[in-house]
Amino acid sequence: MTDEIDSKKDLSQDSGFLDDQNLPKTNFDLIIKSKIKSAVPELSVAGEVPDALNKKVHKLLQDASERAKANGRRTLQARDL
């Protein structure tokens, strides 16, 4: 994960966009790993959780982006999520 995705590039154009769990492969983190443990202090958090959560957030944003575009908007809004 050394290459950065161009912020203007559509994630779906990235080779290997979907992995075996149908989640986008990402090269940057949107999740603050230390905050996950704060959110669920009663549980231990496995090492793969931050990456899996990051991929799900990227997928959520990609889907929301597609919805905004389909509605003729260039602004991502909460209703797109």
PDB file of N, CA and C in Angstrom:
ATOM      1  N   MET A   1       0.823  -1.183   0.000  1.00  0.00           N
ATOM      2  CA  MET A   1       0.000   0.000   0.000  1.00  0.00           C
ATOM      3  C   MET A   1       0.872   1.253   0.000  1.00  0.00           C
ATOM      4  N   THR A   2       1.798   1.302  -0.915  1.00  0.00           N
ATOM      5  CA  THR A   2       2.685   2.448  -0.957  1.00  0.00           C
ATOM      6  C   THR A   2       2.240   3.508  -1.931  1.00  0.00           C
ATOM      7  N   ASP A   3       1.455   3.150  -2.942  1.00  0.00           N
ATOM      8  CA  ASP A   3       0.966   4.125  -3.910  1.00  0.00           C
ATOM      9  C   ASP A   3      -0.260   4.819  -3.347  1.00  0.00           C
ATOM     10  N   GLU A   4      -0.337   6.135  -3.572  1.00  0.00           N
ATOM     11  CA  GLU A   4      -1.520   6.868  -3.141  1.00  0.00           C
ATOM     12  C   GLU A   4      -2.495   6.984  -4.291  1.00  0.00           C
ATOM     13  N   ILE A   5      -3.769   6.903  -3.976  1.00  0.00           N
ATOM     14  CA  ILE A   5      -4.804   7.056  -4.992  1.00  0.00           C
ATOM     15  C   ILE A   5      -4.996   8.542  -5.241  1.00  0.00           C
ATOM     16  N   ASP A   6      -5.001   8.936  -6.500  1.00  0.00           N
ATOM     17  CA  ASP A   6      -5.288  10.311  -6.864  1.00  0.00           C
ATOM     18  C   ASP A   6      -6.679  10.644  -6.359  1.00  0.00           C
ATOM     19  N   SER A   7      -6.812  11.750  -5.628  1.00  0.00           N
ATOM     20  CA  SER A   7      -8.101  12.080  -5.023  1.00  0.00           C
ATOM     21  C   SER A   7      -9.187  12.312  -6.058  1.00  0.00           C
ATOM     22  N   LYS A   8      -8.824  12.637  -7.291  1.00  0.00           N
ATOM     23  CA  LYS A   8      -9.817  12.856  -8.337  1.00  0.00           C
ATOM     24  C   LYS A   8     -10.152  11.575  -9.091  1.00  0.00           C
ATOM     25  N   LYS A   9      -9.395  10.509  -8.854  1.00  0.00           N
ATOM     26  CA  LYS A   9      -9.603   9.256  -9.568  1.00  0.00           C
ATOM     27  C   LYS A   9     -10.754   8.481  -8.938  1.00  0.00           C
ATOM     28  N   ASP A  10     -11.630   7.979  -9.750  1.00  0.00           N
ATOM     29  CA  ASP A  10     -12.747   7.163  -9.279  1.00  0.00           C
ATOM     30  C   ASP A  10     -12.177   5.856  -8.745  1.00  0.00           C
ATOM     31  N   LEU A  11     -12.533   5.489  -7.523  1.00  0.00           N
ATOM     32  CA  LEU A  11     -12.009   4.261  -6.921  1.00  0.00           C
ATOM     33  C   LEU A  11     -12.342   3.029  -7.740  1.00  0.00           C
ATOM     34  N   SER A  12     -13.450   3.045  -8.463  1.00  0.00           N
ATOM     35  CA  SER A  12     -13.837   1.872  -9.236  1.00  0.00           C
ATOM     36  C   SER A  12     -12.909   1.645 -10.419  1.00  0.00           C
ATOM     37  N   GLN A  13     -12.114   2.641 -10.791  1.00  0.00           N
ATOM     38  CA  GLN A  13     -11.172   2.489 -11.888  1.00  0.00           C
ATOM     39  C   GLN A  13      -9.846   1.914 -11.408  1.00  0.00           C
ATOM     40  N   ASP A  14      -9.654   1.819 -10.109  1.00  0.00           N
ATOM     41  CA  ASP A  14      -8.436   1.266  -9.542  1.00  0.00           C
ATOM     42  C   ASP A  14      -8.410  -0.235  -9.798  1.00  0.00           C
ATOM     43  N   SER A  15      -7.305  -0.737 -10.327  1.00  0.00           N
ATOM     44  CA  SER A  15      -7.223  -2.182 -10.537  1.00  0.00           C
ATOM     45  C   SER A  15      -7.307  -2.875  -9.188  1.00  0.00           C
ATOM     46  N   GLY A  16      -8.082  -3.928  -9.116  1.00  0.00           N
ATOM     47  CA  GLY A  16      -8.272  -4.619  -7.848  1.00  0.00           C
ATOM     48  C   GLY A  16      -9.213  -3.880  -6.921  1.00  0.00           C
ATOM     49  N   PHE A  17     -10.140  -3.128  -7.485  1.00  0.00           N
ATOM     50  CA  PHE A  17     -11.061  -2.339  -6.663  1.00  0.00           C
ATOM     51  C   PHE A  17     -11.774  -3.201  -5.641  1.00  0.00           C
ATOM     52  N   LEU A  18     -12.216  -4.372  -6.022  1.00  0.00           N
ATOM     53  CA  LEU A  18     -12.931  -5.232  -5.090  1.00  0.00           C
ATOM     54  C   LEU A  18     -12.088  -6.438  -4.721  1.00  0.00           C
ATOM     55  N   ASP A  19     -12.005  -6.707  -3.435  1.00  0.00           N
ATOM     56  CA  ASP A  19     -11.292  -7.905  -3.012  1.00  0.00           C
ATOM     57  C   ASP A  19     -12.301  -9.029  -2.821  1.00  0.00           C
ATOM     58  N   ASP A  20     -11.886 -10.103  -2.180  1.00  0.00           N
ATOM     59  CA  ASP A  20     -12.764 -11.260  -2.049  1.00  0.00           C
ATOM     60  C   ASP A  20     -13.999 -10.986  -1.196  1.00  0.00           C
ATOM     61  N   GLN A  21     -14.038  -9.885  -0.467  1.00  0.00           N
ATOM     62  CA  GLN A  21     -15.206  -9.547   0.341  1.00  0.00           C
ATOM     63  C   GLN A  21     -16.024  -8.442  -0.322  1.00  0.00           C
ATOM     64  N   ASN A  22     -15.771  -8.162  -1.598  1.00  0.00           N
ATOM     65  CA  ASN A  22     -16.456  -7.090  -2.321  1.00  0.00           C
ATOM     66  C   ASN A  22     -16.287  -5.734  -1.646  1.00  0.00           C
ATOM     67  N   LEU A  23     -15.119  -5.498  -1.093  1.00  0.00           N
ATOM     68  CA  LEU A  23     -14.799  -4.221  -0.485  1.00  0.00           C
ATOM     69  C   LEU A  23     -13.669  -3.576  -1.277  1.00  0.00           C
ATOM     70  N   PRO A  24     -13.638  -2.248  -1.347  1.00  0.00           N
ATOM     71  CA  PRO A  24     -12.594  -1.596  -2.130  1.00  0.00           C
ATOM     72  C   PRO A  24     -11.229  -1.738  -1.475  1.00  0.00           C
ATOM     73  N   LYS A  25     -10.208  -1.891  -2.303  1.00  0.00           N
ATOM     74  CA  LYS A  25      -8.843  -1.848  -1.807  1.00  0.00           C
ATOM     75  C   LYS A  25      -8.469  -0.377  -1.726  1.00  0.00           C
ATOM     76  N   THR A  26      -7.885   0.022  -0.618  1.00  0.00           N
ATOM     77  CA  THR A  26      -7.590   1.428  -0.414  1.00  0.00           C
ATOM     78  C   THR A  26      -6.132   1.619  -0.053  1.00  0.00           C
ATOM     79  N   ASN A  27      -5.634   2.785  -0.346  1.00  0.00           N
ATOM     80  CA  ASN A  27      -4.245   3.094  -0.054  1.00  0.00           C
ATOM     81  C   ASN A  27      -4.113   4.198   0.978  1.00  0.00           C
ATOM     82  N   PHE A  28      -5.200   4.571   1.600  1.00  0.00           N
ATOM     83  CA  PHE A  28      -5.131   5.590   2.635  1.00  0.00           C
ATOM     84  C   PHE A  28      -6.183   5.293   3.697  1.00  0.00           C
ATOM     85  N   ASP A  29      -5.868   5.653   4.921  1.00  0.00           N
ATOM     86  CA  ASP A  29      -6.754   5.354   6.046  1.00  0.00           C
ATOM     87  C   ASP A  29      -7.712   6.504   6.317  1.00  0.00           C
ATOM     88  N   LEU A  30      -8.955   6.170   6.518  1.00  0.00           N
ATOM     89  CA  LEU A  30      -9.968   7.125   6.957  1.00  0.00           C
ATOM     90  C   LEU A  30     -10.315   6.892   8.425  1.00  0.00           C
ATOM     91  N   ILE A  31      -9.836   5.795   8.967  1.00  0.00           N
ATOM     92  CA  ILE A  31     -10.172   5.380  10.324  1.00  0.00           C
ATOM     93  C   ILE A  31      -8.981   5.626  11.245  1.00  0.00           C
ATOM     94  N   ILE A  32      -9.247   6.213  12.399  1.00  0.00           N
ATOM     95  CA  ILE A  32      -8.207   6.391  13.411  1.00  0.00           C
ATOM     96  C   ILE A  32      -8.242   5.147  14.291  1.00  0.00           C
ATOM     97  N   LYS A  33      -7.195   4.354  14.185  1.00  0.00           N
ATOM     98  CA  LYS A  33      -7.182   3.042  14.822  1.00  0.00           C
ATOM     99  C   LYS A  33      -7.383   3.108  16.335  1.00  0.00           C
ATOM    100  N   SER A  34      -6.792   4.096  16.981  1.00  0.00           N
ATOM    101  CA  SER A  34      -6.927   4.191  18.438  1.00  0.00           C
ATOM    102  C   SER A  34      -8.359   4.494  18.866  1.00  0.00           C
ATOM    103  N   LYS A  35      -9.129   5.116  17.986  1.00  0.00           N
ATOM    104  CA  LYS A  35     -10.511   5.468  18.323  1.00  0.00           C
ATOM    105  C   LYS A  35     -11.436   4.255  18.306  1.00  0.00           C
ATOM    106  N   ILE A  36     -11.058   3.212  17.582  1.00  0.00           N
ATOM    107  CA  ILE A  36     -11.882   1.997  17.556  1.00  0.00           C
ATOM    108  C   ILE A  36     -11.950   1.403  18.956  1.00  0.00           C
ATOM    109  N   LYS A  37     -10.795   1.309  19.605  1.00  0.00           N
ATOM    110  CA  LYS A  37     -10.773   0.756  20.961  1.00  0.00           C
ATOM    111  C   LYS A  37     -11.565   1.629  21.924  1.00  0.00           C
ATOM    112  N   SER A  38     -11.520   2.936  21.715  1.00  0.00           N
ATOM    113  CA  SER A  38     -12.298   3.847  22.566  1.00  0.00           C
ATOM    114  C   SER A  38     -13.793   3.649  22.371  1.00  0.00           C
ATOM    115  N   ALA A  39     -14.189   3.282  21.166  1.00  0.00           N
ATOM    116  CA  ALA A  39     -15.610   3.103  20.856  1.00  0.00           C
ATOM    117  C   ALA A  39     -16.178   1.828  21.469  1.00  0.00           C
ATOM    118  N   VAL A  40     -15.329   0.827  21.646  1.00  0.00           N
ATOM    119  CA  VAL A  40     -15.771  -0.443  22.236  1.00  0.00           C
ATOM    120  C   VAL A  40     -14.794  -0.866  23.342  1.00  0.00           C
ATOM    121  N   PRO A  41     -14.761  -0.102  24.435  1.00  0.00           N
ATOM    122  CA  PRO A  41     -13.761  -0.369  25.477  1.00  0.00           C
ATOM    123  C   PRO A  41     -13.939  -1.707  26.180  1.00  0.00           C
ATOM    124  N   GLU A  42     -15.141  -2.275  26.087  1.00  0.00           N
ATOM    125  CA  GLU A  42     -15.392  -3.551  26.766  1.00  0.00           C
ATOM    126  C   GLU A  42     -14.892  -4.750  25.972  1.00  0.00           C
ATOM    127  N   LEU A  43     -14.392  -4.511  24.758  1.00  0.00           N
ATOM    128  CA  LEU A  43     -13.932  -5.596  23.894  1.00  0.00           C
ATOM    129  C   LEU A  43     -12.488  -5.412  23.471  1.00  0.00           C
ATOM    130  N   SER A  44     -11.839  -6.517  23.189  1.00  0.00           N
ATOM    131  CA  SER A  44     -10.540  -6.466  22.527  1.00  0.00           C
ATOM    132  C   SER A  44     -10.803  -6.306  21.042  1.00  0.00           C
ATOM    133  N   VAL A  45      -9.910  -5.622  20.354  1.00  0.00           N
ATOM    134  CA  VAL A  45     -10.078  -5.381  18.925  1.00  0.00           C
ATOM    135  C   VAL A  45      -8.966  -6.113  18.182  1.00  0.00           C
ATOM    136  N   ALA A  46      -9.356  -7.053  17.323  1.00  0.00           N
ATOM    137  CA  ALA A  46      -8.385  -7.832  16.553  1.00  0.00           C
ATOM    138  C   ALA A  46      -7.637  -6.919  15.584  1.00  0.00           C
ATOM    139  N   GLY A  47      -6.448  -7.316  15.224  1.00  0.00           N
ATOM    140  CA  GLY A  47      -5.589  -6.520  14.365  1.00  0.00           C
ATOM    141  C   GLY A  47      -6.150  -6.205  12.997  1.00  0.00           C
ATOM    142  N   GLU A  48      -6.992  -7.085  12.460  1.00  0.00           N
ATOM    143  CA  GLU A  48      -7.522  -6.855  11.109  1.00  0.00           C
ATOM    144  C   GLU A  48      -8.743  -5.937  11.093  1.00  0.00           C
ATOM    145  N   VAL A  49      -9.281  -5.588  12.250  1.00  0.00           N
ATOM    146  CA  VAL A  49     -10.487  -4.758  12.315  1.00  0.00           C
ATOM    147  C   VAL A  49     -10.289  -3.371  11.692  1.00  0.00           C
ATOM    148  N   PRO A  50      -9.222  -2.647  11.999  1.00  0.00           N
ATOM    149  CA  PRO A  50      -9.069  -1.318  11.396  1.00  0.00           C
ATOM    150  C   PRO A  50      -9.057  -1.343   9.866  1.00  0.00           C
ATOM    151  N   ASP A  51      -8.362  -2.282   9.269  1.00  0.00           N
ATOM    152  CA  ASP A  51      -8.317  -2.364   7.807  1.00  0.00           C
ATOM    153  C   ASP A  51      -9.680  -2.731   7.231  1.00  0.00           C
ATOM    154  N   ALA A  52     -10.373  -3.671   7.862  1.00  0.00           N
ATOM    155  CA  ALA A  52     -11.700  -4.066   7.379  1.00  0.00           C
ATOM    156  C   ALA A  52     -12.684  -2.903   7.492  1.00  0.00           C
ATOM    157  N   LEU A  53     -12.630  -2.176   8.594  1.00  0.00           N
ATOM    158  CA  LEU A  53     -13.516  -1.028   8.781  1.00  0.00           C
ATOM    159  C   LEU A  53     -13.184   0.072   7.778  1.00  0.00           C
ATOM    160  N   ASN A  54     -11.909   0.301   7.542  1.00  0.00           N
ATOM    161  CA  ASN A  54     -11.477   1.294   6.561  1.00  0.00           C
ATOM    162  C   ASN A  54     -12.014   0.953   5.173  1.00  0.00           C
ATOM    163  N   LYS A  55     -11.955  -0.312   4.797  1.00  0.00           N
ATOM    164  CA  LYS A  55     -12.464  -0.732   3.486  1.00  0.00           C
ATOM    165  C   LYS A  55     -13.969  -0.523   3.386  1.00  0.00           C
ATOM    166  N   LYS A  56     -14.676  -0.812   4.469  1.00  0.00           N
ATOM    167  CA  LYS A  56     -16.134  -0.618   4.452  1.00  0.00           C
ATOM    168  C   LYS A  56     -16.492   0.862   4.333  1.00  0.00           C
ATOM    169  N   VAL A  57     -15.748   1.717   5.004  1.00  0.00           N
ATOM    170  CA  VAL A  57     -16.002   3.158   4.912  1.00  0.00           C
ATOM    171  C   VAL A  57     -15.728   3.650   3.496  1.00  0.00           C
ATOM    172  N   HIS A  58     -14.637   3.180   2.887  1.00  0.00           N
ATOM    173  CA  HIS A  58     -14.349   3.547   1.501  1.00  0.00           C
ATOM    174  C   HIS A  58     -15.481   3.092   0.574  1.00  0.00           C
ATOM    175  N   LYS A  59     -15.997   1.893   0.782  1.00  0.00           N
ATOM    176  CA  LYS A  59     -17.095   1.379  -0.039  1.00  0.00           C
ATOM    177  C   LYS A  59     -18.356   2.222   0.169  1.00  0.00           C
ATOM    178  N   LEU A  60     -18.645   2.561   1.405  1.00  0.00           N
ATOM    179  CA  LEU A  60     -19.794   3.406   1.716  1.00  0.00           C
ATOM    180  C   LEU A  60     -19.681   4.751   1.003  1.00  0.00           C
ATOM    181  N   LEU A  61     -18.495   5.346   1.027  1.00  0.00           N
ATOM    182  CA  LEU A  61     -18.287   6.630   0.359  1.00  0.00           C
ATOM    183  C   LEU A  61     -18.370   6.502  -1.153  1.00  0.00           C
ATOM    184  N   GLN A  62     -17.860   5.406  -1.691  1.00  0.00           N
ATOM    185  CA  GLN A  62     -17.945   5.179  -3.138  1.00  0.00           C
ATOM    186  C   GLN A  62     -19.406   5.061  -3.569  1.00  0.00           C
ATOM    187  N   ASP A  63     -20.184   4.283  -2.841  1.00  0.00           N
ATOM    188  CA  ASP A  63     -21.608   4.119  -3.157  1.00  0.00           C
ATOM    189  C   ASP A  63     -22.353   5.449  -3.033  1.00  0.00           C
ATOM    190  N   ALA A  64     -22.038   6.210  -1.989  1.00  0.00           N
ATOM    191  CA  ALA A  64     -22.679   7.509  -1.797  1.00  0.00           C
ATOM    192  C   ALA A  64     -22.298   8.472  -2.910  1.00  0.00           C
ATOM    193  N   SER A  65     -21.057   8.412  -3.338  1.00  0.00           N
ATOM    194  CA  SER A  65     -20.591   9.256  -4.441  1.00  0.00           C
ATOM    195  C   SER A  65     -21.349   8.939  -5.720  1.00  0.00           C
ATOM    196  N   GLU A  66     -21.539   7.666  -5.988  1.00  0.00           N
ATOM    197  CA  GLU A  66     -22.282   7.253  -7.180  1.00  0.00           C
ATOM    198  C   GLU A  66     -23.735   7.727  -7.108  1.00  0.00           C
ATOM    199  N   ARG A  67     -24.316   7.684  -5.920  1.00  0.00           N
ATOM    200  CA  ARG A  67     -25.698   8.144  -5.765  1.00  0.00           C
ATOM    201  C   ARG A  67     -25.800   9.647  -6.024  1.00  0.00           C
ATOM    202  N   ALA A  68     -24.865  10.414  -5.471  1.00  0.00           N
ATOM    203  CA  ALA A  68     -24.878  11.866  -5.684  1.00  0.00           C
ATOM    204  C   ALA A  68     -24.742  12.188  -7.168  1.00  0.00           C
ATOM    205  N   LYS A  69     -23.831  11.505  -7.847  1.00  0.00           N
ATOM    206  CA  LYS A  69     -23.636  11.726  -9.284  1.00  0.00           C
ATOM    207  C   LYS A  69     -24.888  11.340 -10.062  1.00  0.00           C
ATOM    208  N   ALA A  70     -25.513  10.235  -9.686  1.00  0.00           N
ATOM    209  CA  ALA A  70     -26.728   9.783 -10.370  1.00  0.00           C
ATOM    210  C   ALA A  70     -27.872  10.781 -10.202  1.00  0.00           C
ATOM    211  N   ASN A  71     -27.834  11.532  -9.119  1.00  0.00           N
ATOM    212  CA  ASN A  71     -28.845  12.553  -8.865  1.00  0.00           C
ATOM    213  C   ASN A  71     -28.425  13.920  -9.404  1.00  0.00           C
ATOM    214  N   GLY A  72     -27.358  13.946 -10.197  1.00  0.00           N
ATOM    215  CA  GLY A  72     -26.912  15.180 -10.829  1.00  0.00           C
ATOM    216  C   GLY A  72     -26.251  16.174  -9.891  1.00  0.00           C
ATOM    217  N   ARG A  73     -25.749  15.697  -8.763  1.00  0.00           N
ATOM    218  CA  ARG A  73     -25.097  16.588  -7.803  1.00  0.00           C
ATOM    219  C   ARG A  73     -23.602  16.348  -7.760  1.00  0.00           C
ATOM    220  N   ARG A  74     -22.867  17.385  -7.415  1.00  0.00           N
ATOM    221  CA  ARG A  74     -21.426  17.275  -7.223  1.00  0.00           C
ATOM    222  C   ARG A  74     -21.070  17.414  -5.747  1.00  0.00           C
ATOM    223  N   THR A  75     -22.085  17.395  -4.907  1.00  0.00           N
ATOM    224  CA  THR A  75     -21.886  17.518  -3.467  1.00  0.00           C
ATOM    225  C   THR A  75     -22.399  16.257  -2.787  1.00  0.00           C
ATOM    226  N   LEU A  76     -21.541  15.627  -2.004  1.00  0.00           N
ATOM    227  CA  LEU A  76     -21.929  14.452  -1.231  1.00  0.00           C
ATOM    228  C   LEU A  76     -22.715  14.926  -0.015  1.00  0.00           C
ATOM    229  N   GLN A  77     -23.879  14.360   0.193  1.00  0.00           N
ATOM    230  CA  GLN A  77     -24.730  14.755   1.311  1.00  0.00           C
ATOM    231  C   GLN A  77     -25.036  13.544   2.177  1.00  0.00           C
ATOM    232  N   ALA A  78     -25.467  13.804   3.406  1.00  0.00           N
ATOM    233  CA  ALA A  78     -25.769  12.724   4.350  1.00  0.00           C
ATOM    234  C   ALA A  78     -26.793  11.758   3.781  1.00  0.00           C
ATOM    235  N   ARG A  79     -27.741  12.266   3.025  1.00  0.00           N
ATOM    236  CA  ARG A  79     -28.778  11.391   2.466  1.00  0.00           C
ATOM    237  C   ARG A  79     -28.215  10.397   1.455  1.00  0.00           C
ATOM    238  N   ASP A  80     -27.022  10.646   0.934  1.00  0.00           N
ATOM    239  CA  ASP A  80     -26.389   9.717  -0.002  1.00  0.00           C
ATOM    240  C   ASP A  80     -25.844   8.486   0.710  1.00  0.00           C
ATOM    241  N   LEU A  81     -25.612   8.625   2.003  1.00  0.00           N
ATOM    242  CA  LEU A  81     -25.081   7.505   2.768  1.00  0.00           C
ATOM    243  C   LEU A  81     -26.176   6.498   3.049  1.00  0.00           C
TER     244      LEU A  81
END
